[in-house]
Amino acid sequence: MSTKLFDLAENFVKFQRVFTENAAFQEQCIGRACSVPDFAEAVNTLVGIDANKGTRTWAGFHNSRNAKIWEMQAEDWDFVLRLNLRPTFLCTRAAVPHMMRHGHGRIVCMSSGAREGTPWTAYYQGGSAYSAAKAGVHGFVRDVALELAEHGINVNAVAPGPIDTERVGAGLRRLNETVEYSPNHRTPLRRLGQPLEVAHAYVTGHTLAVTGGR
């Protein structure tokens, strides 16, 4: 059985409530909430939990600091890249030796549709740092997939678009009501995606290349 390890850099209380109230979730997952300053420690703790259980998957949920490029402070730019790229690197690096010993593994990283730029962010508040970070995840996944292919380890990323989550849904709906370049106006499906649709139903118009990493 796969062991899924979730890091949340925010919303500790909600995570703990959802985890403790969902028995099925607890049977398949090991949960740990941590803040960015102790992220490296959390990685070591998570990887140290029963290293013989098999494949591990990490997912991270983070926030951002947006500003137009002419107003973006260097420290905010650095914060966003560190927040979104460093955990991806640390978790992957920590998991890989265990997967190599087993001769197989699956790594799924969180990217975003913002890696190609997001009109409703760019036009109204600026989002170049976040877009650059998520584009970095894409490049990271591509390179690491090639590095690990000979060890039977698959590396992929999920890049959701405008999803109606508890944290960002209200803001996205507000954009739909107030601005021209809103998610609904710029998305062919003309609606926000739902969290459960990320795996399948909110995908349209794309060809999934199943080519062994080529």
N, C-alpha and C. Protein backbone atom coordinates (compact mmCIF):
# COMPACT_ATOMS: atom_id res chain seq x y z
N MET A 1 0.85 -1.20 0.00
CA MET A 1 0.00 0.00 0.00
C MET A 1 0.88 1.25 0.00
N SER A 2 0.54 2.19 -0.85
CA SER A 2 1.31 3.43 -0.91
C SER A 2 1.13 4.23 0.38
N THR A 3 2.19 4.92 0.77
CA THR A 3 2.13 5.79 1.93
C THR A 3 2.23 7.22 1.44
N LYS A 4 1.23 8.02 1.67
CA LYS A 4 1.21 9.38 1.18
C LYS A 4 1.51 10.33 2.32
N LEU A 5 2.49 11.17 2.12
CA LEU A 5 2.92 12.09 3.16
C LEU A 5 2.60 13.51 2.73
N PHE A 6 1.82 14.20 3.52
CA PHE A 6 1.37 15.52 3.15
C PHE A 6 2.01 16.58 4.03
N ASP A 7 2.67 17.55 3.43
CA ASP A 7 3.17 18.71 4.15
C ASP A 7 2.25 19.88 3.88
N LEU A 8 1.81 20.55 4.90
CA LEU A 8 1.04 21.76 4.74
C LEU A 8 1.79 22.89 5.42
N ALA A 9 2.16 23.90 4.65
CA ALA A 9 2.87 25.03 5.22
C ALA A 9 1.89 26.01 5.84
N GLU A 10 0.62 25.72 5.76
CA GLU A 10 -0.38 26.59 6.37
C GLU A 10 -1.61 25.76 6.73
N ASN A 11 -2.54 26.37 7.45
CA ASN A 11 -3.83 25.75 7.73
C ASN A 11 -3.70 24.46 8.54
N PHE A 12 -2.85 24.51 9.57
CA PHE A 12 -2.60 23.33 10.39
C PHE A 12 -3.88 22.75 10.98
N VAL A 13 -4.72 23.61 11.54
CA VAL A 13 -5.90 23.15 12.26
C VAL A 13 -6.83 22.39 11.34
N LYS A 14 -7.08 22.93 10.16
CA LYS A 14 -7.97 22.26 9.22
C LYS A 14 -7.40 20.90 8.80
N PHE A 15 -6.10 20.87 8.51
CA PHE A 15 -5.47 19.62 8.11
C PHE A 15 -5.63 18.55 9.19
N GLN A 16 -5.35 18.93 10.42
CA GLN A 16 -5.43 17.96 11.51
C GLN A 16 -6.85 17.47 11.71
N ARG A 17 -7.84 18.37 11.53
CA ARG A 17 -9.23 17.97 11.70
C ARG A 17 -9.63 16.99 10.60
N VAL A 18 -9.31 17.32 9.34
CA VAL A 18 -9.66 16.44 8.23
C VAL A 18 -9.00 15.09 8.39
N PHE A 19 -7.74 15.11 8.78
CA PHE A 19 -7.00 13.85 8.90
C PHE A 19 -7.57 12.96 10.00
N THR A 20 -7.87 13.55 11.15
CA THR A 20 -8.33 12.75 12.29
C THR A 20 -9.77 12.27 12.11
N GLU A 21 -10.57 12.97 11.29
CA GLU A 21 -11.96 12.59 11.11
C GLU A 21 -12.18 11.60 9.97
N ASN A 22 -11.15 11.32 9.19
CA ASN A 22 -11.31 10.47 8.03
C ASN A 22 -10.55 9.17 8.25
N ALA A 23 -11.27 8.12 8.63
CA ALA A 23 -10.63 6.85 8.96
C ALA A 23 -9.95 6.24 7.74
N ALA A 24 -10.60 6.31 6.57
CA ALA A 24 -10.02 5.73 5.37
C ALA A 24 -8.72 6.44 5.00
N PHE A 25 -8.70 7.75 5.21
CA PHE A 25 -7.51 8.54 4.93
C PHE A 25 -6.36 8.08 5.82
N GLN A 26 -6.66 7.83 7.09
CA GLN A 26 -5.63 7.43 8.03
C GLN A 26 -5.06 6.05 7.70
N GLU A 27 -5.86 5.18 7.08
CA GLU A 27 -5.39 3.85 6.75
C GLU A 27 -4.33 3.87 5.66
N GLN A 28 -4.36 4.89 4.79
CA GLN A 28 -3.45 4.93 3.65
C GLN A 28 -2.39 6.02 3.77
N CYS A 29 -2.48 6.86 4.77
CA CYS A 29 -1.63 8.04 4.80
C CYS A 29 -0.95 8.21 6.15
N ILE A 30 0.16 8.91 6.11
CA ILE A 30 0.81 9.40 7.31
C ILE A 30 0.83 10.91 7.19
N GLY A 31 0.26 11.61 8.13
CA GLY A 31 0.13 13.06 8.02
C GLY A 31 1.09 13.79 8.93
N ARG A 32 1.59 14.91 8.45
CA ARG A 32 2.45 15.75 9.28
C ARG A 32 2.31 17.19 8.79
N ALA A 33 1.90 18.09 9.67
CA ALA A 33 1.83 19.50 9.32
C ALA A 33 3.08 20.18 9.84
N CYS A 34 3.65 21.07 9.04
CA CYS A 34 4.85 21.77 9.48
C CYS A 34 4.90 23.14 8.83
N SER A 35 5.70 24.01 9.42
CA SER A 35 5.91 25.33 8.84
C SER A 35 7.20 25.33 8.06
N VAL A 36 7.36 26.33 7.20
CA VAL A 36 8.54 26.38 6.34
C VAL A 36 9.85 26.36 7.12
N PRO A 37 10.01 27.08 8.24
CA PRO A 37 11.29 27.07 8.93
C PRO A 37 11.77 25.69 9.37
N ASP A 38 10.83 24.77 9.70
CA ASP A 38 11.28 23.44 10.13
C ASP A 38 11.01 22.39 9.08
N PHE A 39 10.96 22.83 7.82
CA PHE A 39 10.61 21.90 6.75
C PHE A 39 11.63 20.78 6.61
N ALA A 40 12.91 21.12 6.67
CA ALA A 40 13.93 20.08 6.52
C ALA A 40 13.80 19.03 7.62
N GLU A 41 13.51 19.48 8.83
CA GLU A 41 13.32 18.54 9.94
C GLU A 41 12.11 17.65 9.68
N ALA A 42 11.05 18.25 9.13
CA ALA A 42 9.85 17.47 8.84
C ALA A 42 10.13 16.40 7.79
N VAL A 43 10.91 16.75 6.79
CA VAL A 43 11.26 15.78 5.76
C VAL A 43 11.97 14.58 6.37
N ASN A 44 12.94 14.85 7.23
CA ASN A 44 13.67 13.76 7.87
C ASN A 44 12.75 12.90 8.72
N THR A 45 11.80 13.55 9.40
CA THR A 45 10.86 12.81 10.24
C THR A 45 9.97 11.92 9.39
N LEU A 46 9.45 12.47 8.31
CA LEU A 46 8.52 11.73 7.48
C LEU A 46 9.19 10.54 6.82
N VAL A 47 10.37 10.75 6.27
CA VAL A 47 11.07 9.67 5.59
C VAL A 47 11.49 8.59 6.57
N GLY A 48 11.67 8.98 7.83
CA GLY A 48 12.08 8.02 8.84
C GLY A 48 10.97 7.11 9.32
N ILE A 49 9.71 7.39 8.91
CA ILE A 49 8.58 6.58 9.35
C ILE A 49 8.48 5.33 8.49
N ASP A 50 8.85 4.21 9.04
CA ASP A 50 8.70 2.91 8.37
C ASP A 50 9.15 2.97 6.93
N ALA A 51 10.44 3.09 6.73
CA ALA A 51 11.00 3.26 5.39
C ALA A 51 10.77 2.06 4.49
N ASN A 52 10.27 0.96 5.01
CA ASN A 52 10.07 -0.23 4.21
C ASN A 52 8.64 -0.38 3.69
N LYS A 53 7.82 0.66 3.88
CA LYS A 53 6.41 0.54 3.47
C LYS A 53 6.20 0.71 1.97
N GLY A 54 7.20 1.16 1.26
CA GLY A 54 7.05 1.25 -0.20
C GLY A 54 7.03 2.65 -0.71
N THR A 55 6.28 2.85 -1.78
CA THR A 55 6.26 4.12 -2.49
C THR A 55 5.70 5.24 -1.62
N ARG A 56 6.27 6.41 -1.77
CA ARG A 56 5.79 7.57 -1.03
C ARG A 56 5.50 8.71 -1.99
N THR A 57 4.48 9.49 -1.65
CA THR A 57 4.12 10.64 -2.46
C THR A 57 3.96 11.85 -1.55
N TRP A 58 4.49 12.98 -1.94
CA TRP A 58 4.35 14.21 -1.16
C TRP A 58 3.48 15.20 -1.93
N ALA A 59 2.68 15.95 -1.20
CA ALA A 59 1.97 17.07 -1.81
C ALA A 59 2.13 18.27 -0.89
N GLY A 60 2.36 19.43 -1.44
CA GLY A 60 2.53 20.63 -0.62
C GLY A 60 1.51 21.68 -0.97
N PHE A 61 1.03 22.41 0.01
CA PHE A 61 0.06 23.47 -0.21
C PHE A 61 0.66 24.77 0.33
N HIS A 62 0.86 25.72 -0.53
CA HIS A 62 1.60 26.91 -0.12
C HIS A 62 0.86 28.17 -0.54
N ASN A 63 1.31 29.30 -0.04
CA ASN A 63 0.73 30.56 -0.46
C ASN A 63 1.77 31.36 -1.23
N SER A 64 1.48 32.63 -1.54
CA SER A 64 2.37 33.40 -2.39
C SER A 64 2.34 34.86 -1.96
N ARG A 65 3.29 35.62 -2.49
CA ARG A 65 3.31 37.07 -2.30
C ARG A 65 3.33 37.70 -3.68
N ASN A 66 2.19 38.24 -4.09
CA ASN A 66 2.05 38.77 -5.44
C ASN A 66 2.29 40.26 -5.49
N ALA A 67 2.87 40.72 -6.61
CA ALA A 67 3.04 42.15 -6.88
C ALA A 67 3.40 42.31 -8.34
N LYS A 68 3.05 43.46 -8.91
CA LYS A 68 3.49 43.75 -10.26
C LYS A 68 5.02 43.79 -10.29
N ILE A 69 5.61 43.46 -11.42
CA ILE A 69 7.05 43.27 -11.49
C ILE A 69 7.82 44.52 -11.09
N TRP A 70 7.27 45.70 -11.37
CA TRP A 70 7.98 46.93 -11.01
C TRP A 70 7.84 47.28 -9.52
N GLU A 71 6.96 46.55 -8.84
CA GLU A 71 6.78 46.76 -7.40
C GLU A 71 7.29 45.59 -6.56
N MET A 72 7.64 44.50 -7.23
CA MET A 72 8.07 43.29 -6.52
C MET A 72 9.39 43.51 -5.81
N GLN A 73 9.40 43.25 -4.52
CA GLN A 73 10.63 43.34 -3.75
C GLN A 73 11.44 42.06 -3.91
N ALA A 74 12.76 42.20 -3.92
CA ALA A 74 13.62 41.03 -4.12
C ALA A 74 13.39 39.98 -3.05
N GLU A 75 13.16 40.42 -1.82
CA GLU A 75 12.96 39.44 -0.74
C GLU A 75 11.64 38.68 -0.93
N ASP A 76 10.62 39.34 -1.50
CA ASP A 76 9.36 38.64 -1.76
C ASP A 76 9.53 37.64 -2.91
N TRP A 77 10.27 38.05 -3.94
CA TRP A 77 10.58 37.13 -5.04
C TRP A 77 11.29 35.89 -4.51
N ASP A 78 12.30 36.10 -3.70
CA ASP A 78 13.07 34.98 -3.14
C ASP A 78 12.19 34.10 -2.26
N PHE A 79 11.29 34.73 -1.49
CA PHE A 79 10.40 33.97 -0.61
C PHE A 79 9.52 33.02 -1.40
N VAL A 80 8.93 33.52 -2.50
CA VAL A 80 8.01 32.70 -3.28
C VAL A 80 8.74 31.53 -3.94
N LEU A 81 9.92 31.79 -4.50
CA LEU A 81 10.67 30.70 -5.12
C LEU A 81 11.12 29.68 -4.09
N ARG A 82 11.58 30.16 -2.94
CA ARG A 82 12.02 29.24 -1.89
C ARG A 82 10.85 28.41 -1.38
N LEU A 83 9.70 29.04 -1.23
CA LEU A 83 8.53 28.37 -0.68
C LEU A 83 8.03 27.27 -1.60
N ASN A 84 8.12 27.49 -2.90
CA ASN A 84 7.53 26.55 -3.85
C ASN A 84 8.53 25.58 -4.47
N LEU A 85 9.80 25.94 -4.52
CA LEU A 85 10.79 25.07 -5.15
C LEU A 85 11.61 24.26 -4.15
N ARG A 86 12.03 24.90 -3.07
CA ARG A 86 12.89 24.19 -2.12
C ARG A 86 12.23 22.95 -1.51
N PRO A 87 10.95 23.02 -1.06
CA PRO A 87 10.32 21.81 -0.52
C PRO A 87 10.23 20.69 -1.55
N THR A 88 10.00 21.03 -2.82
CA THR A 88 9.93 20.03 -3.87
C THR A 88 11.26 19.29 -3.97
N PHE A 89 12.34 20.05 -3.95
CA PHE A 89 13.68 19.47 -3.99
C PHE A 89 13.96 18.63 -2.75
N LEU A 90 13.68 19.17 -1.56
CA LEU A 90 14.02 18.47 -0.32
C LEU A 90 13.27 17.15 -0.18
N CYS A 91 11.97 17.18 -0.46
CA CYS A 91 11.18 15.96 -0.31
C CYS A 91 11.61 14.90 -1.33
N THR A 92 11.86 15.34 -2.56
CA THR A 92 12.28 14.39 -3.58
C THR A 92 13.63 13.78 -3.22
N ARG A 93 14.57 14.63 -2.83
CA ARG A 93 15.89 14.13 -2.47
C ARG A 93 15.82 13.13 -1.31
N ALA A 94 14.95 13.40 -0.35
CA ALA A 94 14.83 12.52 0.80
C ALA A 94 14.19 11.18 0.44
N ALA A 95 13.27 11.18 -0.49
CA ALA A 95 12.53 9.96 -0.82
C ALA A 95 13.30 9.05 -1.76
N VAL A 96 14.11 9.63 -2.63
CA VAL A 96 14.73 8.86 -3.71
C VAL A 96 15.58 7.69 -3.23
N PRO A 97 16.45 7.83 -2.22
CA PRO A 97 17.26 6.68 -1.82
C PRO A 97 16.44 5.46 -1.43
N HIS A 98 15.31 5.67 -0.75
CA HIS A 98 14.44 4.56 -0.36
C HIS A 98 13.83 3.91 -1.60
N MET A 99 13.40 4.73 -2.55
CA MET A 99 12.81 4.19 -3.77
C MET A 99 13.85 3.43 -4.59
N MET A 100 15.06 3.94 -4.63
CA MET A 100 16.12 3.27 -5.39
C MET A 100 16.41 1.89 -4.81
N ARG A 101 16.37 1.78 -3.49
CA ARG A 101 16.61 0.48 -2.87
C ARG A 101 15.51 -0.52 -3.22
N HIS A 102 14.27 -0.01 -3.37
CA HIS A 102 13.16 -0.89 -3.74
C HIS A 102 13.11 -1.15 -5.25
N GLY A 103 13.79 -0.33 -6.02
CA GLY A 103 13.79 -0.50 -7.47
C GLY A 103 12.56 0.03 -8.17
N HIS A 104 11.78 0.84 -7.46
CA HIS A 104 10.61 1.46 -8.09
C HIS A 104 10.13 2.61 -7.20
N GLY A 105 9.26 3.44 -7.75
CA GLY A 105 8.69 4.53 -6.97
C GLY A 105 7.88 5.46 -7.85
N ARG A 106 7.04 6.25 -7.21
CA ARG A 106 6.22 7.23 -7.91
C ARG A 106 6.32 8.55 -7.15
N ILE A 107 6.74 9.60 -7.82
CA ILE A 107 6.83 10.93 -7.23
C ILE A 107 5.90 11.85 -8.01
N VAL A 108 5.01 12.52 -7.30
CA VAL A 108 4.10 13.48 -7.93
C VAL A 108 4.29 14.83 -7.25
N CYS A 109 4.71 15.82 -8.00
CA CYS A 109 4.93 17.17 -7.47
C CYS A 109 3.76 18.08 -7.84
N MET A 110 3.58 19.12 -7.03
CA MET A 110 2.52 20.08 -7.30
C MET A 110 3.07 21.26 -8.09
N SER A 111 2.61 21.35 -9.34
CA SER A 111 2.89 22.54 -10.15
C SER A 111 1.61 23.36 -10.19
N SER A 112 1.40 24.11 -11.24
CA SER A 112 0.20 24.94 -11.36
C SER A 112 0.04 25.38 -12.80
N GLY A 113 -1.21 25.61 -13.20
CA GLY A 113 -1.44 26.20 -14.52
C GLY A 113 -0.78 27.56 -14.65
N ALA A 114 -0.44 28.15 -13.52
CA ALA A 114 0.24 29.46 -13.52
C ALA A 114 1.63 29.38 -14.13
N ARG A 115 2.17 28.18 -14.33
CA ARG A 115 3.52 28.07 -14.91
C ARG A 115 3.56 28.65 -16.32
N GLU A 116 2.41 28.81 -16.96
CA GLU A 116 2.35 29.44 -18.27
C GLU A 116 1.77 30.86 -18.20
N GLY A 117 1.68 31.38 -17.00
CA GLY A 117 1.11 32.71 -16.82
C GLY A 117 -0.39 32.64 -16.60
N THR A 118 -0.89 33.47 -15.70
CA THR A 118 -2.32 33.48 -15.37
C THR A 118 -2.87 34.87 -15.58
N PRO A 119 -3.75 35.07 -16.58
CA PRO A 119 -4.24 36.42 -16.90
C PRO A 119 -4.86 37.14 -15.71
N TRP A 120 -5.72 36.45 -14.94
CA TRP A 120 -6.41 37.14 -13.85
C TRP A 120 -5.47 37.53 -12.72
N THR A 121 -4.32 36.89 -12.63
CA THR A 121 -3.32 37.33 -11.67
C THR A 121 -2.44 38.42 -12.27
N ALA A 122 -1.97 38.19 -13.49
CA ALA A 122 -1.03 39.13 -14.12
C ALA A 122 -1.63 40.52 -14.30
N TYR A 123 -2.87 40.59 -14.76
CA TYR A 123 -3.47 41.89 -15.08
C TYR A 123 -3.81 42.70 -13.83
N TYR A 124 -4.16 42.04 -12.73
CA TYR A 124 -4.73 42.77 -11.61
C TYR A 124 -3.86 42.85 -10.37
N GLN A 125 -2.90 41.92 -10.21
CA GLN A 125 -2.04 42.02 -9.03
C GLN A 125 -0.61 41.59 -9.29
N GLY A 126 -0.36 40.92 -10.39
CA GLY A 126 0.98 40.45 -10.70
C GLY A 126 1.25 39.10 -10.06
N GLY A 127 1.85 38.20 -10.83
CA GLY A 127 2.12 36.88 -10.29
C GLY A 127 3.35 36.23 -10.89
N SER A 128 4.31 37.05 -11.33
CA SER A 128 5.47 36.50 -12.05
C SER A 128 6.31 35.58 -11.17
N ALA A 129 6.44 35.88 -9.89
CA ALA A 129 7.25 35.03 -9.02
C ALA A 129 6.63 33.65 -8.88
N TYR A 130 5.33 33.60 -8.66
CA TYR A 130 4.65 32.32 -8.51
C TYR A 130 4.70 31.53 -9.81
N SER A 131 4.48 32.22 -10.94
CA SER A 131 4.54 31.54 -12.23
C SER A 131 5.93 30.99 -12.49
N ALA A 132 6.95 31.78 -12.16
CA ALA A 132 8.32 31.32 -12.35
C ALA A 132 8.61 30.10 -11.48
N ALA A 133 8.11 30.12 -10.24
CA ALA A 133 8.34 28.99 -9.34
C ALA A 133 7.69 27.72 -9.86
N LYS A 134 6.46 27.84 -10.34
CA LYS A 134 5.76 26.65 -10.83
C LYS A 134 6.33 26.17 -12.16
N ALA A 135 6.84 27.08 -12.98
CA ALA A 135 7.57 26.67 -14.17
C ALA A 135 8.84 25.93 -13.77
N GLY A 136 9.44 26.36 -12.66
CA GLY A 136 10.61 25.67 -12.14
C GLY A 136 10.30 24.25 -11.73
N VAL A 137 9.13 24.02 -11.15
CA VAL A 137 8.71 22.67 -10.80
C VAL A 137 8.63 21.80 -12.05
N HIS A 138 8.12 22.37 -13.12
CA HIS A 138 8.01 21.64 -14.39
C HIS A 138 9.39 21.22 -14.88
N GLY A 139 10.36 22.15 -14.87
CA GLY A 139 11.71 21.82 -15.29
C GLY A 139 12.36 20.81 -14.37
N PHE A 140 12.12 20.95 -13.09
CA PHE A 140 12.66 20.02 -12.09
C PHE A 140 12.16 18.61 -12.37
N VAL A 141 10.86 18.47 -12.58
CA VAL A 141 10.26 17.16 -12.82
C VAL A 141 10.83 16.53 -14.08
N ARG A 142 10.97 17.33 -15.12
CA ARG A 142 11.47 16.79 -16.38
C ARG A 142 12.89 16.24 -16.22
N ASP A 143 13.75 16.99 -15.57
CA ASP A 143 15.14 16.56 -15.42
C ASP A 143 15.26 15.37 -14.47
N VAL A 144 14.58 15.45 -13.33
CA VAL A 144 14.68 14.36 -12.35
C VAL A 144 14.08 13.07 -12.90
N ALA A 145 13.05 13.18 -13.73
CA ALA A 145 12.49 11.99 -14.35
C ALA A 145 13.53 11.27 -15.19
N LEU A 146 14.35 12.03 -15.91
CA LEU A 146 15.41 11.42 -16.71
C LEU A 146 16.49 10.82 -15.82
N GLU A 147 16.82 11.50 -14.73
CA GLU A 147 17.84 10.99 -13.82
C GLU A 147 17.44 9.66 -13.19
N LEU A 148 16.16 9.52 -12.88
CA LEU A 148 15.69 8.37 -12.10
C LEU A 148 15.07 7.26 -12.93
N ALA A 149 14.97 7.44 -14.23
CA ALA A 149 14.30 6.45 -15.08
C ALA A 149 14.95 5.08 -14.96
N GLU A 150 16.27 5.03 -14.93
CA GLU A 150 16.96 3.74 -14.88
C GLU A 150 16.72 3.00 -13.56
N HIS A 151 16.20 3.71 -12.56
CA HIS A 151 15.93 3.08 -11.27
C HIS A 151 14.45 2.69 -11.12
N GLY A 152 13.69 2.81 -12.20
CA GLY A 152 12.28 2.43 -12.14
C GLY A 152 11.40 3.41 -11.39
N ILE A 153 11.84 4.66 -11.30
CA ILE A 153 11.09 5.68 -10.55
C ILE A 153 10.47 6.66 -11.53
N ASN A 154 9.15 6.80 -11.46
CA ASN A 154 8.43 7.76 -12.29
C ASN A 154 8.29 9.08 -11.55
N VAL A 155 8.50 10.18 -12.26
CA VAL A 155 8.38 11.52 -11.66
C VAL A 155 7.47 12.36 -12.55
N ASN A 156 6.39 12.85 -11.98
CA ASN A 156 5.43 13.65 -12.73
C ASN A 156 4.96 14.82 -11.87
N ALA A 157 4.19 15.69 -12.46
CA ALA A 157 3.62 16.83 -11.74
C ALA A 157 2.17 17.01 -12.13
N VAL A 158 1.40 17.56 -11.22
CA VAL A 158 0.03 17.96 -11.49
C VAL A 158 -0.01 19.49 -11.50
N ALA A 159 -0.67 20.05 -12.51
CA ALA A 159 -0.69 21.51 -12.65
C ALA A 159 -2.13 22.01 -12.74
N PRO A 160 -2.81 22.14 -11.59
CA PRO A 160 -4.22 22.57 -11.61
C PRO A 160 -4.36 24.02 -12.06
N GLY A 161 -5.49 24.29 -12.66
CA GLY A 161 -5.84 25.67 -13.01
C GLY A 161 -6.67 26.29 -11.90
N PRO A 162 -7.70 27.08 -12.24
CA PRO A 162 -8.52 27.72 -11.21
C PRO A 162 -9.45 26.72 -10.53
N ILE A 163 -9.12 26.34 -9.31
CA ILE A 163 -9.87 25.32 -8.60
C ILE A 163 -10.59 25.97 -7.41
N ASP A 164 -11.84 25.59 -7.24
CA ASP A 164 -12.69 26.19 -6.21
C ASP A 164 -12.41 25.54 -4.85
N THR A 165 -11.25 25.84 -4.29
CA THR A 165 -10.89 25.33 -2.97
C THR A 165 -11.37 26.28 -1.89
N GLU A 166 -11.33 25.81 -0.66
CA GLU A 166 -11.78 26.64 0.45
C GLU A 166 -10.92 27.89 0.60
N ARG A 167 -9.62 27.77 0.30
CA ARG A 167 -8.72 28.90 0.52
C ARG A 167 -8.82 29.96 -0.57
N VAL A 168 -8.94 29.55 -1.84
CA VAL A 168 -8.89 30.54 -2.93
C VAL A 168 -10.20 30.67 -3.69
N GLY A 169 -11.16 29.78 -3.43
CA GLY A 169 -12.40 29.79 -4.21
C GLY A 169 -13.15 31.10 -4.15
N ALA A 170 -13.28 31.68 -2.96
CA ALA A 170 -14.03 32.93 -2.82
C ALA A 170 -13.39 34.05 -3.64
N GLY A 171 -12.08 34.14 -3.63
CA GLY A 171 -11.39 35.17 -4.40
C GLY A 171 -11.57 34.97 -5.89
N LEU A 172 -11.53 33.71 -6.36
CA LEU A 172 -11.73 33.44 -7.78
C LEU A 172 -13.15 33.79 -8.20
N ARG A 173 -14.13 33.46 -7.36
CA ARG A 173 -15.51 33.80 -7.69
C ARG A 173 -15.72 35.31 -7.70
N ARG A 174 -15.03 36.01 -6.82
CA ARG A 174 -15.13 37.47 -6.80
C ARG A 174 -14.56 38.07 -8.09
N LEU A 175 -13.48 37.51 -8.58
CA LEU A 175 -12.93 37.95 -9.86
C LEU A 175 -13.94 37.74 -10.99
N ASN A 176 -14.65 36.62 -10.96
CA ASN A 176 -15.65 36.35 -11.99
C ASN A 176 -16.75 37.41 -12.02
N GLU A 177 -17.00 38.00 -10.87
CA GLU A 177 -18.08 38.99 -10.77
C GLU A 177 -17.62 40.41 -11.05
N THR A 178 -16.30 40.65 -11.02
CA THR A 178 -15.85 42.05 -11.02
C THR A 178 -14.89 42.43 -12.14
N VAL A 179 -14.22 41.48 -12.79
CA VAL A 179 -13.20 41.88 -13.77
C VAL A 179 -13.40 41.13 -15.08
N GLU A 180 -12.81 41.67 -16.14
CA GLU A 180 -12.97 41.09 -17.47
C GLU A 180 -12.15 39.81 -17.64
N TYR A 181 -10.88 39.88 -17.24
CA TYR A 181 -10.00 38.72 -17.43
C TYR A 181 -10.10 37.78 -16.22
N SER A 182 -11.27 37.22 -16.05
CA SER A 182 -11.53 36.38 -14.88
C SER A 182 -11.39 34.90 -15.25
N PRO A 183 -11.31 34.03 -14.25
CA PRO A 183 -11.17 32.60 -14.55
C PRO A 183 -12.27 32.06 -15.46
N ASN A 184 -13.53 32.36 -15.17
CA ASN A 184 -14.61 31.83 -15.99
C ASN A 184 -14.56 32.38 -17.41
N HIS A 185 -14.19 33.65 -17.55
CA HIS A 185 -14.15 34.26 -18.88
C HIS A 185 -12.99 33.73 -19.71
N ARG A 186 -11.91 33.32 -19.07
CA ARG A 186 -10.71 32.90 -19.78
C ARG A 186 -10.56 31.37 -19.85
N THR A 187 -11.51 30.65 -19.29
CA THR A 187 -11.45 29.19 -19.28
C THR A 187 -12.56 28.64 -20.17
N PRO A 188 -12.23 27.82 -21.18
CA PRO A 188 -13.26 27.33 -22.09
C PRO A 188 -14.42 26.62 -21.41
N LEU A 189 -14.18 25.91 -20.30
CA LEU A 189 -15.27 25.24 -19.60
C LEU A 189 -16.19 26.22 -18.88
N ARG A 190 -15.75 27.47 -18.78
CA ARG A 190 -16.57 28.57 -18.22
C ARG A 190 -16.99 28.35 -16.77
N ARG A 191 -16.14 27.70 -16.02
CA ARG A 191 -16.44 27.50 -14.61
C ARG A 191 -15.14 27.16 -13.89
N LEU A 192 -15.16 27.26 -12.56
CA LEU A 192 -14.05 26.82 -11.76
C LEU A 192 -14.05 25.30 -11.65
N GLY A 193 -12.88 24.72 -11.54
CA GLY A 193 -12.80 23.29 -11.29
C GLY A 193 -13.05 22.99 -9.83
N GLN A 194 -13.49 21.79 -9.55
CA GLN A 194 -13.68 21.31 -8.18
C GLN A 194 -12.48 20.45 -7.79
N PRO A 195 -12.11 20.45 -6.51
CA PRO A 195 -10.92 19.68 -6.10
C PRO A 195 -10.93 18.24 -6.57
N LEU A 196 -12.09 17.57 -6.50
CA LEU A 196 -12.15 16.17 -6.90
C LEU A 196 -11.97 15.99 -8.41
N GLU A 197 -12.07 17.08 -9.18
CA GLU A 197 -11.94 16.99 -10.63
C GLU A 197 -10.50 17.12 -11.10
N VAL A 198 -9.59 17.43 -10.20
CA VAL A 198 -8.20 17.65 -10.61
C VAL A 198 -7.63 16.41 -11.29
N ALA A 199 -8.04 15.23 -10.86
CA ALA A 199 -7.49 14.00 -11.41
C ALA A 199 -8.01 13.67 -12.81
N HIS A 200 -9.19 14.21 -13.18
CA HIS A 200 -9.72 13.78 -14.48
C HIS A 200 -10.69 14.77 -15.12
N ALA A 201 -11.75 15.18 -14.44
CA ALA A 201 -12.87 15.83 -15.10
C ALA A 201 -12.58 17.27 -15.55
N TYR A 202 -11.59 17.92 -14.97
CA TYR A 202 -11.30 19.31 -15.34
C TYR A 202 -10.15 19.37 -16.34
N VAL A 203 -9.93 18.27 -17.06
CA VAL A 203 -8.91 18.22 -18.11
C VAL A 203 -9.63 18.16 -19.45
N THR A 204 -9.27 19.05 -20.38
CA THR A 204 -9.85 19.02 -21.71
C THR A 204 -8.89 19.68 -22.69
N GLY A 205 -8.81 19.13 -23.87
CA GLY A 205 -8.00 19.72 -24.93
C GLY A 205 -6.53 19.38 -24.87
N HIS A 206 -6.13 18.41 -24.06
CA HIS A 206 -4.71 18.07 -23.93
C HIS A 206 -4.48 16.61 -24.28
N THR A 207 -3.32 16.35 -24.83
CA THR A 207 -2.90 14.99 -25.12
C THR A 207 -1.87 14.57 -24.07
N LEU A 208 -2.12 13.50 -23.37
CA LEU A 208 -1.19 12.99 -22.38
C LEU A 208 -0.19 12.08 -23.08
N ALA A 209 1.05 12.50 -23.08
CA ALA A 209 2.10 11.71 -23.73
C ALA A 209 2.50 10.54 -22.83
N VAL A 210 2.27 9.33 -23.30
CA VAL A 210 2.66 8.13 -22.56
C VAL A 210 3.81 7.48 -23.33
N THR A 211 5.01 8.04 -23.15
CA THR A 211 6.14 7.69 -24.01
C THR A 211 7.38 7.28 -23.22
N GLY A 212 7.20 6.88 -21.98
CA GLY A 212 8.34 6.44 -21.19
C GLY A 212 9.34 7.54 -20.88
N GLY A 213 8.88 8.78 -20.88
CA GLY A 213 9.74 9.89 -20.54
C GLY A 213 10.36 10.61 -21.72
N ARG A 214 10.09 10.15 -22.92
CA ARG A 214 10.67 10.78 -24.11
C ARG A 214 9.95 12.09 -24.41
